[in-house]
Amino acid sequence: MSEHREGIEGREFKRELGLLASTMLVVGSMVGSGIFIVSADIARTVGSPGWLLLVWVITGAVTVSAALSYGELAGMMPQAGGQYVYLREAYNPLIGFLYGWTMFLVIQSGTIAAVAVAFAKYSAVFFPSLGEKQILFTLIGRPVSAAQLVAIASVLLLTWINVRGVH
């Protein structure tokens, strides 16, 4: 057993999420808004609905393969930390540390921003006054649209909900 795990034996996480909440969390993180945004780009690139479906089938197979691989890793190393733990054990603590900070500062924040922008864009379909063309004011020489404020508000709201906890 690695020296990194000393002192944490005997402590467990609270199992607060039920089957439905856990399933919805995984489905939301896997599907997200990417299926709505990326499909149009893929369709333009491949040129036909049949090829688009084939791309999604191949992508699904790769995703299932990755999920099974992560499941195997989780079975071999059942500690909290996910990819950080796997990288720390496979390479060294520095690689795990750098990955953790990259995930926090770049990967997750970029993903959250992209999903918020997609949410704002699709919200404008139902509420045109919240669209990107609705410039509300200028800040430091840059126009600020209603869609940008919707994206910011959605990130702040979801952050507040997550900070409050699972209950």
N, C-alpha and C. Protein backbone atom coordinates (compact mmCIF):
# COMPACT_ATOMS: atom_id res chain seq x y z
N MET A 1 0.84 -1.18 0.00
CA MET A 1 0.00 0.00 0.00
C MET A 1 0.89 1.24 0.00
N SER A 2 0.51 2.21 -0.75
CA SER A 2 1.31 3.43 -0.91
C SER A 2 1.34 4.25 0.38
N GLU A 3 2.46 4.98 0.58
CA GLU A 3 2.55 5.83 1.76
C GLU A 3 1.56 6.99 1.69
N HIS A 4 1.02 7.27 0.51
CA HIS A 4 0.06 8.36 0.36
C HIS A 4 -1.28 8.04 1.00
N ARG A 5 -1.53 6.77 1.25
CA ARG A 5 -2.82 6.37 1.80
C ARG A 5 -2.78 6.18 3.30
N GLU A 6 -1.62 6.33 3.91
CA GLU A 6 -1.53 6.16 5.35
C GLU A 6 -2.33 7.24 6.04
N GLY A 7 -2.98 6.88 7.13
CA GLY A 7 -3.71 7.85 7.91
C GLY A 7 -5.14 8.07 7.45
N ILE A 8 -5.52 7.49 6.33
CA ILE A 8 -6.90 7.69 5.88
C ILE A 8 -7.71 6.39 5.96
N GLU A 9 -7.07 5.31 6.37
CA GLU A 9 -7.79 4.05 6.53
C GLU A 9 -8.83 4.21 7.63
N GLY A 10 -9.96 3.58 7.45
CA GLY A 10 -11.00 3.61 8.46
C GLY A 10 -11.98 4.77 8.29
N ARG A 11 -11.65 5.75 7.47
CA ARG A 11 -12.58 6.85 7.23
C ARG A 11 -13.31 6.57 5.92
N GLU A 12 -14.59 6.89 5.89
CA GLU A 12 -15.38 6.65 4.68
C GLU A 12 -16.17 7.90 4.32
N PHE A 13 -16.49 8.02 3.04
CA PHE A 13 -17.36 9.09 2.60
C PHE A 13 -18.79 8.74 2.94
N LYS A 14 -19.60 9.76 3.17
CA LYS A 14 -21.02 9.53 3.40
C LYS A 14 -21.67 9.17 2.07
N ARG A 15 -22.50 8.17 2.09
CA ARG A 15 -23.20 7.76 0.88
C ARG A 15 -24.55 8.48 0.87
N GLU A 16 -24.55 9.69 0.31
CA GLU A 16 -25.73 10.56 0.34
C GLU A 16 -26.55 10.52 -0.94
N LEU A 17 -25.94 10.19 -2.06
CA LEU A 17 -26.65 10.20 -3.33
C LEU A 17 -27.28 8.83 -3.58
N GLY A 18 -28.55 8.84 -3.98
CA GLY A 18 -29.23 7.60 -4.31
C GLY A 18 -28.93 7.17 -5.73
N LEU A 19 -29.54 6.07 -6.14
CA LEU A 19 -29.32 5.53 -7.48
C LEU A 19 -29.76 6.51 -8.56
N LEU A 20 -30.94 7.10 -8.42
CA LEU A 20 -31.44 8.02 -9.44
C LEU A 20 -30.54 9.25 -9.56
N ALA A 21 -30.19 9.87 -8.44
CA ALA A 21 -29.35 11.07 -8.47
C ALA A 21 -27.97 10.75 -9.06
N SER A 22 -27.41 9.62 -8.68
CA SER A 22 -26.10 9.23 -9.21
C SER A 22 -26.16 8.97 -10.71
N THR A 23 -27.21 8.29 -11.14
CA THR A 23 -27.38 7.99 -12.56
C THR A 23 -27.53 9.28 -13.36
N MET A 24 -28.34 10.21 -12.87
CA MET A 24 -28.54 11.48 -13.57
C MET A 24 -27.26 12.30 -13.61
N LEU A 25 -26.46 12.21 -12.57
CA LEU A 25 -25.17 12.92 -12.54
C LEU A 25 -24.24 12.39 -13.63
N VAL A 26 -24.18 11.08 -13.76
CA VAL A 26 -23.33 10.47 -14.79
C VAL A 26 -23.86 10.78 -16.19
N VAL A 27 -25.17 10.64 -16.38
CA VAL A 27 -25.76 10.92 -17.69
C VAL A 27 -25.52 12.38 -18.06
N GLY A 28 -25.71 13.29 -17.13
CA GLY A 28 -25.49 14.71 -17.39
C GLY A 28 -24.06 15.03 -17.74
N SER A 29 -23.13 14.36 -17.08
CA SER A 29 -21.72 14.65 -17.37
C SER A 29 -21.28 14.01 -18.68
N MET A 30 -21.89 12.90 -19.07
CA MET A 30 -21.52 12.24 -20.31
C MET A 30 -22.17 12.91 -21.52
N VAL A 31 -23.45 13.18 -21.44
CA VAL A 31 -24.17 13.75 -22.57
C VAL A 31 -23.97 15.26 -22.58
N GLY A 32 -24.32 15.91 -21.49
CA GLY A 32 -24.15 17.36 -21.38
C GLY A 32 -24.76 18.08 -22.55
N SER A 33 -24.20 19.20 -22.89
CA SER A 33 -24.71 19.97 -24.03
C SER A 33 -23.91 19.67 -25.29
N GLY A 34 -22.86 18.89 -25.17
CA GLY A 34 -22.02 18.59 -26.31
C GLY A 34 -22.76 17.94 -27.45
N ILE A 35 -23.72 17.10 -27.12
CA ILE A 35 -24.46 16.40 -28.17
C ILE A 35 -25.23 17.39 -29.05
N PHE A 36 -25.63 18.51 -28.47
CA PHE A 36 -26.36 19.51 -29.24
C PHE A 36 -25.43 20.41 -30.03
N ILE A 37 -24.27 20.70 -29.48
CA ILE A 37 -23.34 21.63 -30.12
C ILE A 37 -22.49 20.92 -31.17
N VAL A 38 -21.95 19.77 -30.81
CA VAL A 38 -20.99 19.08 -31.67
C VAL A 38 -21.64 18.44 -32.88
N SER A 39 -22.89 18.00 -32.75
CA SER A 39 -23.55 17.31 -33.86
C SER A 39 -23.59 18.15 -35.13
N ALA A 40 -23.86 19.43 -35.01
CA ALA A 40 -23.93 20.30 -36.20
C ALA A 40 -22.57 20.36 -36.89
N ASP A 41 -21.49 20.49 -36.13
CA ASP A 41 -20.16 20.53 -36.73
C ASP A 41 -19.81 19.21 -37.40
N ILE A 42 -20.14 18.11 -36.75
CA ILE A 42 -19.85 16.80 -37.34
C ILE A 42 -20.66 16.61 -38.62
N ALA A 43 -21.95 16.99 -38.58
CA ALA A 43 -22.79 16.83 -39.76
C ALA A 43 -22.25 17.64 -40.94
N ARG A 44 -21.76 18.86 -40.66
CA ARG A 44 -21.17 19.66 -41.75
C ARG A 44 -19.91 18.99 -42.29
N THR A 45 -19.14 18.37 -41.43
CA THR A 45 -17.89 17.76 -41.85
C THR A 45 -18.11 16.47 -42.64
N VAL A 46 -18.98 15.59 -42.14
CA VAL A 46 -19.15 14.28 -42.79
C VAL A 46 -20.14 14.33 -43.94
N GLY A 47 -21.08 15.26 -43.92
CA GLY A 47 -21.95 15.47 -45.06
C GLY A 47 -23.20 14.64 -45.19
N SER A 48 -23.45 13.68 -44.32
CA SER A 48 -24.70 12.92 -44.43
C SER A 48 -25.11 12.39 -43.06
N PRO A 49 -26.42 12.17 -42.88
CA PRO A 49 -26.92 11.66 -41.59
C PRO A 49 -26.37 10.27 -41.26
N GLY A 50 -26.18 9.43 -42.28
CA GLY A 50 -25.65 8.08 -42.04
C GLY A 50 -24.25 8.12 -41.45
N TRP A 51 -23.40 8.97 -42.02
CA TRP A 51 -22.04 9.10 -41.49
C TRP A 51 -22.06 9.70 -40.08
N LEU A 52 -22.97 10.63 -39.85
CA LEU A 52 -23.10 11.23 -38.51
C LEU A 52 -23.44 10.15 -37.49
N LEU A 53 -24.40 9.29 -37.82
CA LEU A 53 -24.76 8.21 -36.90
C LEU A 53 -23.60 7.25 -36.68
N LEU A 54 -22.86 6.96 -37.74
CA LEU A 54 -21.70 6.08 -37.61
C LEU A 54 -20.65 6.69 -36.66
N VAL A 55 -20.42 7.99 -36.81
CA VAL A 55 -19.49 8.67 -35.91
C VAL A 55 -19.96 8.55 -34.47
N TRP A 56 -21.26 8.73 -34.23
CA TRP A 56 -21.78 8.62 -32.86
C TRP A 56 -21.67 7.19 -32.33
N VAL A 57 -21.89 6.19 -33.18
CA VAL A 57 -21.75 4.79 -32.75
C VAL A 57 -20.30 4.49 -32.36
N ILE A 58 -19.36 4.94 -33.20
CA ILE A 58 -17.94 4.73 -32.89
C ILE A 58 -17.56 5.45 -31.61
N THR A 59 -18.02 6.69 -31.47
CA THR A 59 -17.74 7.47 -30.26
C THR A 59 -18.33 6.78 -29.03
N GLY A 60 -19.53 6.24 -29.18
CA GLY A 60 -20.15 5.50 -28.07
C GLY A 60 -19.33 4.28 -27.67
N ALA A 61 -18.81 3.55 -28.65
CA ALA A 61 -17.99 2.37 -28.36
C ALA A 61 -16.70 2.77 -27.63
N VAL A 62 -16.08 3.85 -28.08
CA VAL A 62 -14.86 4.33 -27.41
C VAL A 62 -15.18 4.77 -25.98
N THR A 63 -16.33 5.43 -25.80
CA THR A 63 -16.74 5.89 -24.47
C THR A 63 -17.00 4.72 -23.53
N VAL A 64 -17.67 3.68 -24.03
CA VAL A 64 -17.91 2.49 -23.21
C VAL A 64 -16.59 1.83 -22.83
N SER A 65 -15.66 1.76 -23.78
CA SER A 65 -14.35 1.20 -23.50
C SER A 65 -13.63 2.00 -22.41
N ALA A 66 -13.69 3.31 -22.50
CA ALA A 66 -13.06 4.17 -21.48
C ALA A 66 -13.74 3.98 -20.13
N ALA A 67 -15.07 3.89 -20.12
CA ALA A 67 -15.80 3.70 -18.86
C ALA A 67 -15.43 2.37 -18.21
N LEU A 68 -15.31 1.33 -19.01
CA LEU A 68 -14.91 0.02 -18.46
C LEU A 68 -13.48 0.07 -17.93
N SER A 69 -12.60 0.80 -18.60
CA SER A 69 -11.22 0.94 -18.13
C SER A 69 -11.18 1.67 -16.80
N TYR A 70 -11.95 2.76 -16.70
CA TYR A 70 -12.01 3.49 -15.42
C TYR A 70 -12.65 2.65 -14.33
N GLY A 71 -13.63 1.83 -14.70
CA GLY A 71 -14.23 0.93 -13.72
C GLY A 71 -13.21 -0.07 -13.17
N GLU A 72 -12.37 -0.58 -14.06
CA GLU A 72 -11.31 -1.51 -13.64
C GLU A 72 -10.31 -0.81 -12.72
N LEU A 73 -9.90 0.41 -13.09
CA LEU A 73 -8.98 1.17 -12.24
C LEU A 73 -9.60 1.46 -10.88
N ALA A 74 -10.89 1.80 -10.87
CA ALA A 74 -11.57 2.09 -9.60
C ALA A 74 -11.64 0.85 -8.73
N GLY A 75 -11.81 -0.32 -9.35
CA GLY A 75 -11.80 -1.56 -8.59
C GLY A 75 -10.43 -1.88 -8.01
N MET A 76 -9.37 -1.53 -8.75
CA MET A 76 -8.01 -1.80 -8.29
C MET A 76 -7.54 -0.78 -7.25
N MET A 77 -8.02 0.46 -7.35
CA MET A 77 -7.61 1.53 -6.44
C MET A 77 -8.85 2.27 -5.94
N PRO A 78 -9.53 1.72 -4.95
CA PRO A 78 -10.81 2.30 -4.51
C PRO A 78 -10.67 3.48 -3.55
N GLN A 79 -9.84 4.44 -3.89
CA GLN A 79 -9.73 5.64 -3.07
C GLN A 79 -10.40 6.80 -3.79
N ALA A 80 -10.77 7.82 -3.02
CA ALA A 80 -11.32 9.03 -3.63
C ALA A 80 -10.20 9.76 -4.35
N GLY A 81 -10.54 10.41 -5.46
CA GLY A 81 -9.55 11.18 -6.19
C GLY A 81 -9.50 10.87 -7.66
N GLY A 82 -10.05 9.74 -8.07
CA GLY A 82 -10.15 9.40 -9.48
C GLY A 82 -8.84 9.47 -10.22
N GLN A 83 -8.81 10.27 -11.29
CA GLN A 83 -7.65 10.33 -12.16
C GLN A 83 -6.39 10.78 -11.42
N TYR A 84 -6.56 11.65 -10.42
CA TYR A 84 -5.40 12.07 -9.62
C TYR A 84 -4.73 10.84 -9.00
N VAL A 85 -5.52 9.97 -8.40
CA VAL A 85 -4.97 8.77 -7.75
C VAL A 85 -4.31 7.87 -8.78
N TYR A 86 -4.95 7.67 -9.93
CA TYR A 86 -4.40 6.78 -10.95
C TYR A 86 -3.07 7.31 -11.47
N LEU A 87 -3.00 8.62 -11.73
CA LEU A 87 -1.75 9.21 -12.23
C LEU A 87 -0.67 9.20 -11.15
N ARG A 88 -1.06 9.46 -9.92
CA ARG A 88 -0.10 9.45 -8.82
C ARG A 88 0.51 8.06 -8.66
N GLU A 89 -0.30 7.04 -8.73
CA GLU A 89 0.19 5.68 -8.54
C GLU A 89 0.95 5.18 -9.78
N ALA A 90 0.52 5.56 -10.97
CA ALA A 90 1.17 5.08 -12.19
C ALA A 90 2.49 5.79 -12.45
N TYR A 91 2.58 7.07 -12.15
CA TYR A 91 3.78 7.84 -12.47
C TYR A 91 4.46 8.34 -11.20
N ASN A 92 3.95 9.44 -10.66
CA ASN A 92 4.49 9.94 -9.40
C ASN A 92 3.56 11.04 -8.88
N PRO A 93 3.73 11.44 -7.62
CA PRO A 93 2.84 12.44 -7.04
C PRO A 93 2.84 13.78 -7.78
N LEU A 94 3.96 14.17 -8.38
CA LEU A 94 4.01 15.45 -9.10
C LEU A 94 3.06 15.44 -10.30
N ILE A 95 3.04 14.35 -11.05
CA ILE A 95 2.15 14.25 -12.20
C ILE A 95 0.70 14.34 -11.75
N GLY A 96 0.35 13.64 -10.68
CA GLY A 96 -1.01 13.72 -10.14
C GLY A 96 -1.35 15.13 -9.69
N PHE A 97 -0.41 15.78 -9.01
CA PHE A 97 -0.61 17.15 -8.54
C PHE A 97 -0.83 18.10 -9.71
N LEU A 98 0.02 18.02 -10.74
CA LEU A 98 -0.11 18.90 -11.89
C LEU A 98 -1.42 18.65 -12.63
N TYR A 99 -1.79 17.41 -12.77
CA TYR A 99 -3.06 17.10 -13.41
C TYR A 99 -4.22 17.69 -12.61
N GLY A 100 -4.19 17.54 -11.29
CA GLY A 100 -5.26 18.07 -10.44
C GLY A 100 -5.43 19.57 -10.62
N TRP A 101 -4.34 20.31 -10.61
CA TRP A 101 -4.43 21.76 -10.77
C TRP A 101 -4.82 22.14 -12.20
N THR A 102 -4.36 21.39 -13.19
CA THR A 102 -4.77 21.67 -14.57
C THR A 102 -6.26 21.43 -14.72
N MET A 103 -6.75 20.36 -14.12
CA MET A 103 -8.17 20.06 -14.17
C MET A 103 -8.97 21.19 -13.53
N PHE A 104 -8.51 21.67 -12.39
CA PHE A 104 -9.23 22.72 -11.65
C PHE A 104 -9.19 24.06 -12.40
N LEU A 105 -8.01 24.46 -12.86
CA LEU A 105 -7.85 25.80 -13.44
C LEU A 105 -8.21 25.90 -14.91
N VAL A 106 -8.08 24.81 -15.68
CA VAL A 106 -8.27 24.90 -17.12
C VAL A 106 -9.40 24.01 -17.61
N ILE A 107 -9.29 22.71 -17.38
CA ILE A 107 -10.21 21.76 -18.01
C ILE A 107 -11.64 21.96 -17.52
N GLN A 108 -11.86 21.89 -16.21
CA GLN A 108 -13.22 22.01 -15.69
C GLN A 108 -13.78 23.40 -15.87
N SER A 109 -12.97 24.43 -15.66
CA SER A 109 -13.50 25.80 -15.81
C SER A 109 -13.87 26.06 -17.27
N GLY A 110 -13.09 25.56 -18.20
CA GLY A 110 -13.43 25.71 -19.62
C GLY A 110 -14.69 24.97 -19.98
N THR A 111 -14.85 23.77 -19.44
CA THR A 111 -16.05 22.98 -19.70
C THR A 111 -17.28 23.67 -19.13
N ILE A 112 -17.17 24.17 -17.91
CA ILE A 112 -18.28 24.86 -17.28
C ILE A 112 -18.68 26.09 -18.10
N ALA A 113 -17.69 26.85 -18.57
CA ALA A 113 -17.98 28.03 -19.38
C ALA A 113 -18.66 27.64 -20.69
N ALA A 114 -18.19 26.59 -21.34
CA ALA A 114 -18.79 26.15 -22.60
C ALA A 114 -20.24 25.72 -22.41
N VAL A 115 -20.52 24.99 -21.35
CA VAL A 115 -21.89 24.54 -21.08
C VAL A 115 -22.77 25.74 -20.75
N ALA A 116 -22.25 26.70 -20.01
CA ALA A 116 -23.03 27.90 -19.68
C ALA A 116 -23.36 28.70 -20.94
N VAL A 117 -22.41 28.84 -21.84
CA VAL A 117 -22.66 29.55 -23.10
C VAL A 117 -23.69 28.80 -23.94
N ALA A 118 -23.59 27.48 -23.98
CA ALA A 118 -24.58 26.69 -24.73
C ALA A 118 -25.96 26.84 -24.11
N PHE A 119 -26.04 26.83 -22.79
CA PHE A 119 -27.33 27.02 -22.11
C PHE A 119 -27.92 28.38 -22.46
N ALA A 120 -27.09 29.42 -22.43
CA ALA A 120 -27.58 30.76 -22.76
C ALA A 120 -28.03 30.83 -24.21
N LYS A 121 -27.27 30.21 -25.11
CA LYS A 121 -27.61 30.22 -26.54
C LYS A 121 -28.95 29.54 -26.79
N TYR A 122 -29.16 28.38 -26.18
CA TYR A 122 -30.40 27.66 -26.38
C TYR A 122 -31.56 28.28 -25.62
N SER A 123 -31.29 28.97 -24.53
CA SER A 123 -32.34 29.70 -23.82
C SER A 123 -32.90 30.82 -24.68
N ALA A 124 -32.03 31.42 -25.49
CA ALA A 124 -32.46 32.52 -26.36
C ALA A 124 -33.42 32.06 -27.44
N VAL A 125 -33.46 30.77 -27.73
CA VAL A 125 -34.43 30.25 -28.70
C VAL A 125 -35.84 30.43 -28.14
N PHE A 126 -35.99 30.18 -26.84
CA PHE A 126 -37.29 30.31 -26.19
C PHE A 126 -37.56 31.73 -25.71
N PHE A 127 -36.50 32.44 -25.34
CA PHE A 127 -36.62 33.81 -24.85
C PHE A 127 -35.67 34.70 -25.66
N PRO A 128 -36.12 35.19 -26.83
CA PRO A 128 -35.24 35.96 -27.73
C PRO A 128 -34.61 37.19 -27.08
N SER A 129 -35.24 37.74 -26.07
CA SER A 129 -34.67 38.92 -25.42
C SER A 129 -33.40 38.59 -24.63
N LEU A 130 -33.09 37.30 -24.48
CA LEU A 130 -31.88 36.89 -23.77
C LEU A 130 -30.77 36.48 -24.73
N GLY A 131 -30.90 36.84 -25.99
CA GLY A 131 -29.95 36.42 -27.01
C GLY A 131 -28.65 37.20 -27.04
N GLU A 132 -27.75 36.71 -27.88
CA GLU A 132 -26.42 37.33 -28.02
C GLU A 132 -26.48 38.69 -28.69
N LYS A 133 -27.54 38.94 -29.47
CA LYS A 133 -27.66 40.22 -30.17
C LYS A 133 -28.22 41.32 -29.29
N GLN A 134 -28.69 40.95 -28.10
CA GLN A 134 -29.24 41.93 -27.17
C GLN A 134 -28.11 42.51 -26.32
N ILE A 135 -27.49 43.56 -26.83
CA ILE A 135 -26.39 44.21 -26.10
C ILE A 135 -26.99 45.09 -25.02
N LEU A 136 -26.60 44.83 -23.77
CA LEU A 136 -27.17 45.56 -22.64
C LEU A 136 -26.34 46.78 -22.25
N PHE A 137 -25.01 46.63 -22.29
CA PHE A 137 -24.13 47.74 -21.95
C PHE A 137 -22.73 47.43 -22.44
N THR A 138 -21.85 48.40 -22.29
CA THR A 138 -20.46 48.23 -22.69
C THR A 138 -19.60 48.31 -21.44
N LEU A 139 -18.67 47.38 -21.32
CA LEU A 139 -17.77 47.34 -20.16
C LEU A 139 -16.34 47.31 -20.66
N ILE A 140 -15.59 48.32 -20.34
CA ILE A 140 -14.20 48.47 -20.77
C ILE A 140 -14.08 48.34 -22.29
N GLY A 141 -14.99 48.98 -22.99
CA GLY A 141 -14.96 48.97 -24.44
C GLY A 141 -15.48 47.71 -25.10
N ARG A 142 -15.99 46.77 -24.31
CA ARG A 142 -16.50 45.50 -24.84
C ARG A 142 -18.01 45.43 -24.61
N PRO A 143 -18.78 45.07 -25.64
CA PRO A 143 -20.23 44.94 -25.45
C PRO A 143 -20.56 43.71 -24.60
N VAL A 144 -21.54 43.86 -23.73
CA VAL A 144 -21.99 42.75 -22.89
C VAL A 144 -23.44 42.44 -23.27
N SER A 145 -23.67 41.20 -23.70
CA SER A 145 -25.01 40.80 -24.15
C SER A 145 -25.79 40.14 -23.03
N ALA A 146 -27.09 40.03 -23.27
CA ALA A 146 -27.96 39.34 -22.32
C ALA A 146 -27.55 37.88 -22.18
N ALA A 147 -27.12 37.27 -23.28
CA ALA A 147 -26.70 35.86 -23.25
C ALA A 147 -25.48 35.67 -22.33
N GLN A 148 -24.56 36.62 -22.37
CA GLN A 148 -23.39 36.52 -21.48
C GLN A 148 -23.81 36.59 -20.02
N LEU A 149 -24.77 37.46 -19.72
CA LEU A 149 -25.25 37.56 -18.33
C LEU A 149 -26.01 36.31 -17.90
N VAL A 150 -26.76 35.71 -18.83
CA VAL A 150 -27.45 34.45 -18.53
C VAL A 150 -26.42 33.35 -18.23
N ALA A 151 -25.36 33.28 -19.02
CA ALA A 151 -24.31 32.28 -18.80
C ALA A 151 -23.65 32.48 -17.44
N ILE A 152 -23.32 33.72 -17.11
CA ILE A 152 -22.70 34.02 -15.81
C ILE A 152 -23.65 33.69 -14.68
N ALA A 153 -24.91 34.07 -14.83
CA ALA A 153 -25.91 33.80 -13.78
C ALA A 153 -26.10 32.30 -13.58
N SER A 154 -26.09 31.53 -14.67
CA SER A 154 -26.27 30.08 -14.53
C SER A 154 -25.10 29.45 -13.79
N VAL A 155 -23.87 29.91 -14.07
CA VAL A 155 -22.70 29.38 -13.35
C VAL A 155 -22.80 29.74 -11.87
N LEU A 156 -23.16 30.98 -11.57
CA LEU A 156 -23.27 31.40 -10.16
C LEU A 156 -24.36 30.63 -9.43
N LEU A 157 -25.52 30.45 -10.08
CA LEU A 157 -26.61 29.71 -9.45
C LEU A 157 -26.22 28.26 -9.17
N LEU A 158 -25.63 27.60 -10.15
CA LEU A 158 -25.25 26.20 -9.95
C LEU A 158 -24.10 26.07 -8.95
N THR A 159 -23.21 27.04 -8.91
CA THR A 159 -22.16 27.03 -7.89
C THR A 159 -22.77 27.14 -6.50
N TRP A 160 -23.72 28.04 -6.34
CA TRP A 160 -24.39 28.22 -5.04
C TRP A 160 -25.11 26.93 -4.62
N ILE A 161 -25.80 26.28 -5.57
CA ILE A 161 -26.50 25.03 -5.27
C ILE A 161 -25.50 23.97 -4.84
N ASN A 162 -24.37 23.85 -5.54
CA ASN A 162 -23.38 22.83 -5.20
C ASN A 162 -22.69 23.11 -3.87
N VAL A 163 -22.47 24.37 -3.56
CA VAL A 163 -21.84 24.72 -2.28
C VAL A 163 -22.74 24.33 -1.12
N ARG A 164 -24.05 24.42 -1.32
CA ARG A 164 -24.99 24.07 -0.26
C ARG A 164 -24.97 22.58 0.06
N GLY A 165 -24.54 21.74 -0.87
CA GLY A 165 -24.46 20.29 -0.62
C GLY A 165 -25.54 19.53 -1.35
N VAL A 166 -25.58 18.24 -1.10
CA VAL A 166 -26.50 17.37 -1.83
C VAL A 166 -27.91 17.39 -1.29
N HIS A 167 -28.12 17.95 -0.13
CA HIS A 167 -29.48 17.96 0.43
C HIS A 167 -30.23 19.19 0.01
